[in-house]
Amino acid sequence: MSESEKVKGPASYFPSIEKTYGRPISYWQEIIRTQEGKAHMQIVAFLKETHGLGHGHANALVAATLVERKS
């Protein structure tokens, strides 16, 4: 894979998230989607406190998922 083909941004964390927590990204995105009306950092805190995700992983998942709200 060349430099220009590498995944960048929040999605670059996805392989590590799946490996670390044993769940597909779609699992985490469904949880995030249920947090309607909450701010980005509130959802990050929820994932960290409730599901034990690290800050970087939680932040990447929330950022990638909330982009849907803007569409």
PDB file of N, CA and C in Angstrom:
ATOM      1  N   MET A   1       0.855  -1.182   0.000  1.00  0.00           N
ATOM      2  CA  MET A   1       0.000   0.000   0.000  1.00  0.00           C
ATOM      3  C   MET A   1       0.895   1.238   0.000  1.00  0.00           C
ATOM      4  N   SER A   2       0.641   2.140  -0.891  1.00  0.00           N
ATOM      5  CA  SER A   2       1.451   3.344  -0.979  1.00  0.00           C
ATOM      6  C   SER A   2       1.000   4.368   0.054  1.00  0.00           C
ATOM      7  N   GLU A   3       1.810   5.376   0.254  1.00  0.00           N
ATOM      8  CA  GLU A   3       1.481   6.450   1.202  1.00  0.00           C
ATOM      9  C   GLU A   3       0.130   7.080   0.892  1.00  0.00           C
ATOM     10  N   SER A   4      -0.154   7.303  -0.386  1.00  0.00           N
ATOM     11  CA  SER A   4      -1.393   7.970  -0.765  1.00  0.00           C
ATOM     12  C   SER A   4      -2.619   7.082  -0.557  1.00  0.00           C
ATOM     13  N   GLU A   5      -2.425   5.758  -0.436  1.00  0.00           N
ATOM     14  CA  GLU A   5      -3.536   4.837  -0.252  1.00  0.00           C
ATOM     15  C   GLU A   5      -3.821   4.528   1.210  1.00  0.00           C
ATOM     16  N   LYS A   6      -2.946   4.929   2.108  1.00  0.00           N
ATOM     17  CA  LYS A   6      -3.133   4.628   3.521  1.00  0.00           C
ATOM     18  C   LYS A   6      -4.352   5.352   4.078  1.00  0.00           C
ATOM     19  N   VAL A   7      -5.053   4.657   4.962  1.00  0.00           N
ATOM     20  CA  VAL A   7      -6.216   5.243   5.618  1.00  0.00           C
ATOM     21  C   VAL A   7      -5.725   6.317   6.580  1.00  0.00           C
ATOM     22  N   LYS A   8      -6.396   7.453   6.564  1.00  0.00           N
ATOM     23  CA  LYS A   8      -6.005   8.570   7.425  1.00  0.00           C
ATOM     24  C   LYS A   8      -7.183   8.981   8.288  1.00  0.00           C
ATOM     25  N   GLY A   9      -6.932   9.802   9.257  1.00  0.00           N
ATOM     26  CA  GLY A   9      -7.988  10.311  10.116  1.00  0.00           C
ATOM     27  C   GLY A   9      -8.473   9.256  11.097  1.00  0.00           C
ATOM     28  N   PRO A  10      -9.676   9.448  11.639  1.00  0.00           N
ATOM     29  CA  PRO A  10     -10.206   8.542  12.659  1.00  0.00           C
ATOM     30  C   PRO A  10     -10.236   7.079  12.225  1.00  0.00           C
ATOM     31  N   ALA A  11     -10.512   6.824  10.957  1.00  0.00           N
ATOM     32  CA  ALA A  11     -10.607   5.440  10.481  1.00  0.00           C
ATOM     33  C   ALA A  11      -9.274   4.698  10.583  1.00  0.00           C
ATOM     34  N   SER A  12      -8.182   5.426  10.690  1.00  0.00           N
ATOM     35  CA  SER A  12      -6.886   4.759  10.819  1.00  0.00           C
ATOM     36  C   SER A  12      -6.787   3.986  12.137  1.00  0.00           C
ATOM     37  N   TYR A  13      -7.626   4.310  13.101  1.00  0.00           N
ATOM     38  CA  TYR A  13      -7.645   3.607  14.385  1.00  0.00           C
ATOM     39  C   TYR A  13      -8.487   2.325  14.341  1.00  0.00           C
ATOM     40  N   PHE A  14      -9.320   2.160  13.326  1.00  0.00           N
ATOM     41  CA  PHE A  14     -10.291   1.071  13.319  1.00  0.00           C
ATOM     42  C   PHE A  14      -9.692  -0.323  13.453  1.00  0.00           C
ATOM     43  N   PRO A  15      -8.620  -0.678  12.733  1.00  0.00           N
ATOM     44  CA  PRO A  15      -8.061  -2.027  12.916  1.00  0.00           C
ATOM     45  C   PRO A  15      -7.619  -2.290  14.358  1.00  0.00           C
ATOM     46  N   SER A  16      -7.016  -1.292  14.972  1.00  0.00           N
ATOM     47  CA  SER A  16      -6.569  -1.437  16.355  1.00  0.00           C
ATOM     48  C   SER A  16      -7.749  -1.562  17.316  1.00  0.00           C
ATOM     49  N   ILE A  17      -8.801  -0.812  17.066  1.00  0.00           N
ATOM     50  CA  ILE A  17      -9.997  -0.870  17.914  1.00  0.00           C
ATOM     51  C   ILE A  17     -10.617  -2.255  17.844  1.00  0.00           C
ATOM     52  N   GLU A  18     -10.761  -2.783  16.644  1.00  0.00           N
ATOM     53  CA  GLU A  18     -11.351  -4.111  16.490  1.00  0.00           C
ATOM     54  C   GLU A  18     -10.493  -5.176  17.158  1.00  0.00           C
ATOM     55  N   LYS A  19      -9.192  -5.065  17.020  1.00  0.00           N
ATOM     56  CA  LYS A  19      -8.276  -6.035  17.627  1.00  0.00           C
ATOM     57  C   LYS A  19      -8.288  -5.926  19.150  1.00  0.00           C
ATOM     58  N   THR A  20      -8.268  -4.732  19.659  1.00  0.00           N
ATOM     59  CA  THR A  20      -8.186  -4.508  21.107  1.00  0.00           C
ATOM     60  C   THR A  20      -9.458  -4.911  21.835  1.00  0.00           C
ATOM     61  N   TYR A  21     -10.611  -4.579  21.275  1.00  0.00           N
ATOM     62  CA  TYR A  21     -11.876  -4.780  21.986  1.00  0.00           C
ATOM     63  C   TYR A  21     -12.711  -5.951  21.463  1.00  0.00           C
ATOM     64  N   GLY A  22     -12.277  -6.566  20.367  1.00  0.00           N
ATOM     65  CA  GLY A  22     -12.942  -7.754  19.858  1.00  0.00           C
ATOM     66  C   GLY A  22     -14.335  -7.546  19.288  1.00  0.00           C
ATOM     67  N   ARG A  23     -14.633  -6.342  18.914  1.00  0.00           N
ATOM     68  CA  ARG A  23     -15.946  -6.010  18.342  1.00  0.00           C
ATOM     69  C   ARG A  23     -15.740  -5.255  17.038  1.00  0.00           C
ATOM     70  N   PRO A  24     -16.651  -5.443  16.075  1.00  0.00           N
ATOM     71  CA  PRO A  24     -16.537  -4.683  14.820  1.00  0.00           C
ATOM     72  C   PRO A  24     -16.879  -3.208  15.040  1.00  0.00           C
ATOM     73  N   ILE A  25     -16.410  -2.374  14.167  1.00  0.00           N
ATOM     74  CA  ILE A  25     -16.671  -0.934  14.249  1.00  0.00           C
ATOM     75  C   ILE A  25     -18.165  -0.662  14.238  1.00  0.00           C
ATOM     76  N   SER A  26     -18.927  -1.427  13.483  1.00  0.00           N
ATOM     77  CA  SER A  26     -20.378  -1.230  13.421  1.00  0.00           C
ATOM     78  C   SER A  26     -21.030  -1.375  14.798  1.00  0.00           C
ATOM     79  N   TYR A  27     -20.491  -2.243  15.642  1.00  0.00           N
ATOM     80  CA  TYR A  27     -21.009  -2.413  17.010  1.00  0.00           C
ATOM     81  C   TYR A  27     -20.887  -1.101  17.777  1.00  0.00           C
ATOM     82  N   TRP A  28     -19.704  -0.500  17.722  1.00  0.00           N
ATOM     83  CA  TRP A  28     -19.466   0.747  18.452  1.00  0.00           C
ATOM     84  C   TRP A  28     -20.283   1.897  17.858  1.00  0.00           C
ATOM     85  N   GLN A  29     -20.425   1.917  16.545  1.00  0.00           N
ATOM     86  CA  GLN A  29     -21.192   2.991  15.916  1.00  0.00           C
ATOM     87  C   GLN A  29     -22.667   2.923  16.308  1.00  0.00           C
ATOM     88  N   GLU A  30     -23.204   1.737  16.458  1.00  0.00           N
ATOM     89  CA  GLU A  30     -24.598   1.616  16.905  1.00  0.00           C
ATOM     90  C   GLU A  30     -24.757   2.185  18.315  1.00  0.00           C
ATOM     91  N   ILE A  31     -23.813   1.904  19.183  1.00  0.00           N
ATOM     92  CA  ILE A  31     -23.857   2.454  20.543  1.00  0.00           C
ATOM     93  C   ILE A  31     -23.795   3.980  20.496  1.00  0.00           C
ATOM     94  N   ILE A  32     -22.906   4.498  19.683  1.00  0.00           N
ATOM     95  CA  ILE A  32     -22.757   5.954  19.567  1.00  0.00           C
ATOM     96  C   ILE A  32     -24.036   6.591  19.036  1.00  0.00           C
ATOM     97  N   ARG A  33     -24.665   5.957  18.080  1.00  0.00           N
ATOM     98  CA  ARG A  33     -25.906   6.500  17.497  1.00  0.00           C
ATOM     99  C   ARG A  33     -27.041   6.575  18.516  1.00  0.00           C
ATOM    100  N   THR A  34     -26.993   5.763  19.566  1.00  0.00           N
ATOM    101  CA  THR A  34     -28.039   5.811  20.592  1.00  0.00           C
ATOM    102  C   THR A  34     -27.853   6.998  21.534  1.00  0.00           C
ATOM    103  N   GLN A  35     -26.749   7.683  21.426  1.00  0.00           N
ATOM    104  CA  GLN A  35     -26.434   8.815  22.308  1.00  0.00           C
ATOM    105  C   GLN A  35     -26.898  10.139  21.699  1.00  0.00           C
ATOM    106  N   GLU A  36     -28.045  10.114  21.113  1.00  0.00           N
ATOM    107  CA  GLU A  36     -28.619  11.282  20.436  1.00  0.00           C
ATOM    108  C   GLU A  36     -28.669  12.496  21.371  1.00  0.00           C
ATOM    109  N   GLY A  37     -28.279  13.636  20.855  1.00  0.00           N
ATOM    110  CA  GLY A  37     -28.363  14.874  21.613  1.00  0.00           C
ATOM    111  C   GLY A  37     -27.173  15.154  22.509  1.00  0.00           C
ATOM    112  N   LYS A  38     -26.247  14.216  22.600  1.00  0.00           N
ATOM    113  CA  LYS A  38     -25.064  14.429  23.442  1.00  0.00           C
ATOM    114  C   LYS A  38     -23.930  14.977  22.593  1.00  0.00           C
ATOM    115  N   ALA A  39     -23.098  15.763  23.232  1.00  0.00           N
ATOM    116  CA  ALA A  39     -21.941  16.349  22.560  1.00  0.00           C
ATOM    117  C   ALA A  39     -20.848  15.297  22.384  1.00  0.00           C
ATOM    118  N   HIS A  40     -19.953  15.574  21.472  1.00  0.00           N
ATOM    119  CA  HIS A  40     -18.840  14.675  21.150  1.00  0.00           C
ATOM    120  C   HIS A  40     -18.131  14.172  22.414  1.00  0.00           C
ATOM    121  N   MET A  41     -17.676  15.087  23.240  1.00  0.00           N
ATOM    122  CA  MET A  41     -16.891  14.686  24.415  1.00  0.00           C
ATOM    123  C   MET A  41     -17.741  13.960  25.464  1.00  0.00           C
ATOM    124  N   GLN A  42     -19.028  14.200  25.495  1.00  0.00           N
ATOM    125  CA  GLN A  42     -19.907  13.447  26.397  1.00  0.00           C
ATOM    126  C   GLN A  42     -19.974  11.991  25.956  1.00  0.00           C
ATOM    127  N   ILE A  43     -20.021  11.765  24.667  1.00  0.00           N
ATOM    128  CA  ILE A  43     -20.064  10.398  24.153  1.00  0.00           C
ATOM    129  C   ILE A  43     -18.715   9.710  24.370  1.00  0.00           C
ATOM    130  N   VAL A  44     -17.630  10.440  24.169  1.00  0.00           N
ATOM    131  CA  VAL A  44     -16.301   9.887  24.438  1.00  0.00           C
ATOM    132  C   VAL A  44     -16.224   9.436  25.894  1.00  0.00           C
ATOM    133  N   ALA A  45     -16.651  10.287  26.808  1.00  0.00           N
ATOM    134  CA  ALA A  45     -16.624   9.946  28.240  1.00  0.00           C
ATOM    135  C   ALA A  45     -17.490   8.725  28.519  1.00  0.00           C
ATOM    136  N   PHE A  46     -18.655   8.649  27.896  1.00  0.00           N
ATOM    137  CA  PHE A  46     -19.546   7.506  28.065  1.00  0.00           C
ATOM    138  C   PHE A  46     -18.851   6.210  27.635  1.00  0.00           C
ATOM    139  N   LEU A  47     -18.211   6.216  26.475  1.00  0.00           N
ATOM    140  CA  LEU A  47     -17.531   5.017  25.983  1.00  0.00           C
ATOM    141  C   LEU A  47     -16.384   4.612  26.905  1.00  0.00           C
ATOM    142  N   LYS A  48     -15.665   5.589  27.409  1.00  0.00           N
ATOM    143  CA  LYS A  48     -14.551   5.306  28.311  1.00  0.00           C
ATOM    144  C   LYS A  48     -15.053   4.718  29.633  1.00  0.00           C
ATOM    145  N   GLU A  49     -16.056   5.339  30.204  1.00  0.00           N
ATOM    146  CA  GLU A  49     -16.555   4.933  31.518  1.00  0.00           C
ATOM    147  C   GLU A  49     -17.363   3.634  31.458  1.00  0.00           C
ATOM    148  N   THR A  50     -18.199   3.497  30.460  1.00  0.00           N
ATOM    149  CA  THR A  50     -19.124   2.369  30.381  1.00  0.00           C
ATOM    150  C   THR A  50     -18.512   1.144  29.707  1.00  0.00           C
ATOM    151  N   HIS A  51     -17.656   1.373  28.716  1.00  0.00           N
ATOM    152  CA  HIS A  51     -17.146   0.264  27.916  1.00  0.00           C
ATOM    153  C   HIS A  51     -15.638   0.077  28.020  1.00  0.00           C
ATOM    154  N   GLY A  52     -14.964   0.934  28.757  1.00  0.00           N
ATOM    155  CA  GLY A  52     -13.533   0.775  28.986  1.00  0.00           C
ATOM    156  C   GLY A  52     -12.636   1.101  27.805  1.00  0.00           C
ATOM    157  N   LEU A  53     -13.134   1.880  26.853  1.00  0.00           N
ATOM    158  CA  LEU A  53     -12.298   2.266  25.723  1.00  0.00           C
ATOM    159  C   LEU A  53     -11.284   3.314  26.154  1.00  0.00           C
ATOM    160  N   GLY A  54     -10.136   3.300  25.495  1.00  0.00           N
ATOM    161  CA  GLY A  54      -9.146   4.347  25.706  1.00  0.00           C
ATOM    162  C   GLY A  54      -9.622   5.629  25.049  1.00  0.00           C
ATOM    163  N   HIS A  55      -9.046   6.741  25.469  1.00  0.00           N
ATOM    164  CA  HIS A  55      -9.486   8.041  24.960  1.00  0.00           C
ATOM    165  C   HIS A  55      -9.342   8.152  23.447  1.00  0.00           C
ATOM    166  N   GLY A  56      -8.193   7.787  22.914  1.00  0.00           N
ATOM    167  CA  GLY A  56      -7.960   7.915  21.475  1.00  0.00           C
ATOM    168  C   GLY A  56      -8.919   7.071  20.653  1.00  0.00           C
ATOM    169  N   HIS A  57      -9.163   5.845  21.109  1.00  0.00           N
ATOM    170  CA  HIS A  57     -10.088   4.967  20.390  1.00  0.00           C
ATOM    171  C   HIS A  57     -11.512   5.500  20.457  1.00  0.00           C
ATOM    172  N   ALA A  58     -11.938   5.921  21.634  1.00  0.00           N
ATOM    173  CA  ALA A  58     -13.290   6.464  21.784  1.00  0.00           C
ATOM    174  C   ALA A  58     -13.452   7.721  20.933  1.00  0.00           C
ATOM    175  N   ASN A  59     -12.481   8.587  20.964  1.00  0.00           N
ATOM    176  CA  ASN A  59     -12.536   9.836  20.210  1.00  0.00           C
ATOM    177  C   ASN A  59     -12.615   9.568  18.705  1.00  0.00           C
ATOM    178  N   ALA A  60     -11.827   8.626  18.219  1.00  0.00           N
ATOM    179  CA  ALA A  60     -11.839   8.294  16.795  1.00  0.00           C
ATOM    180  C   ALA A  60     -13.194   7.740  16.373  1.00  0.00           C
ATOM    181  N   LEU A  61     -13.756   6.846  17.178  1.00  0.00           N
ATOM    182  CA  LEU A  61     -15.071   6.274  16.861  1.00  0.00           C
ATOM    183  C   LEU A  61     -16.149   7.342  16.820  1.00  0.00           C
ATOM    184  N   VAL A  62     -16.136   8.215  17.808  1.00  0.00           N
ATOM    185  CA  VAL A  62     -17.159   9.264  17.878  1.00  0.00           C
ATOM    186  C   VAL A  62     -16.993  10.234  16.705  1.00  0.00           C
ATOM    187  N   ALA A  63     -15.786  10.639  16.428  1.00  0.00           N
ATOM    188  CA  ALA A  63     -15.555  11.575  15.314  1.00  0.00           C
ATOM    189  C   ALA A  63     -16.040  10.983  13.992  1.00  0.00           C
ATOM    190  N   ALA A  64     -15.695   9.736  13.740  1.00  0.00           N
ATOM    191  CA  ALA A  64     -16.089   9.097  12.479  1.00  0.00           C
ATOM    192  C   ALA A  64     -17.597   8.914  12.385  1.00  0.00           C
ATOM    193  N   THR A  65     -18.227   8.613  13.504  1.00  0.00           N
ATOM    194  CA  THR A  65     -19.667   8.351  13.508  1.00  0.00           C
ATOM    195  C   THR A  65     -20.473   9.649  13.441  1.00  0.00           C
ATOM    196  N   LEU A  66     -20.039  10.662  14.136  1.00  0.00           N
ATOM    197  CA  LEU A  66     -20.805  11.920  14.161  1.00  0.00           C
ATOM    198  C   LEU A  66     -20.751  12.678  12.844  1.00  0.00           C
ATOM    199  N   VAL A  67     -19.824  12.351  11.981  1.00  0.00           N
ATOM    200  CA  VAL A  67     -19.786  12.965  10.655  1.00  0.00           C
ATOM    201  C   VAL A  67     -21.111  12.707   9.950  1.00  0.00           C
ATOM    202  N   GLU A  68     -21.749  11.578  10.260  1.00  0.00           N
ATOM    203  CA  GLU A  68     -23.048  11.250   9.673  1.00  0.00           C
ATOM    204  C   GLU A  68     -24.111  12.304  10.005  1.00  0.00           C
ATOM    205  N   ARG A  69     -24.040  12.870  11.189  1.00  0.00           N
ATOM    206  CA  ARG A  69     -25.026  13.869  11.613  1.00  0.00           C
ATOM    207  C   ARG A  69     -24.945  15.122  10.749  1.00  0.00           C
ATOM    208  N   LYS A  70     -23.769  15.417  10.245  1.00  0.00           N
ATOM    209  CA  LYS A  70     -23.554  16.627   9.470  1.00  0.00           C
ATOM    210  C   LYS A  70     -23.993  16.476   8.026  1.00  0.00           C
ATOM    211  N   SER A  71     -24.215  15.251   7.601  1.00  0.00           N
ATOM    212  CA  SER A  71     -24.591  14.997   6.201  1.00  0.00           C
ATOM    213  C   SER A  71     -26.048  15.259   5.952  1.00  0.00           C
TER     214      SER A  71
END
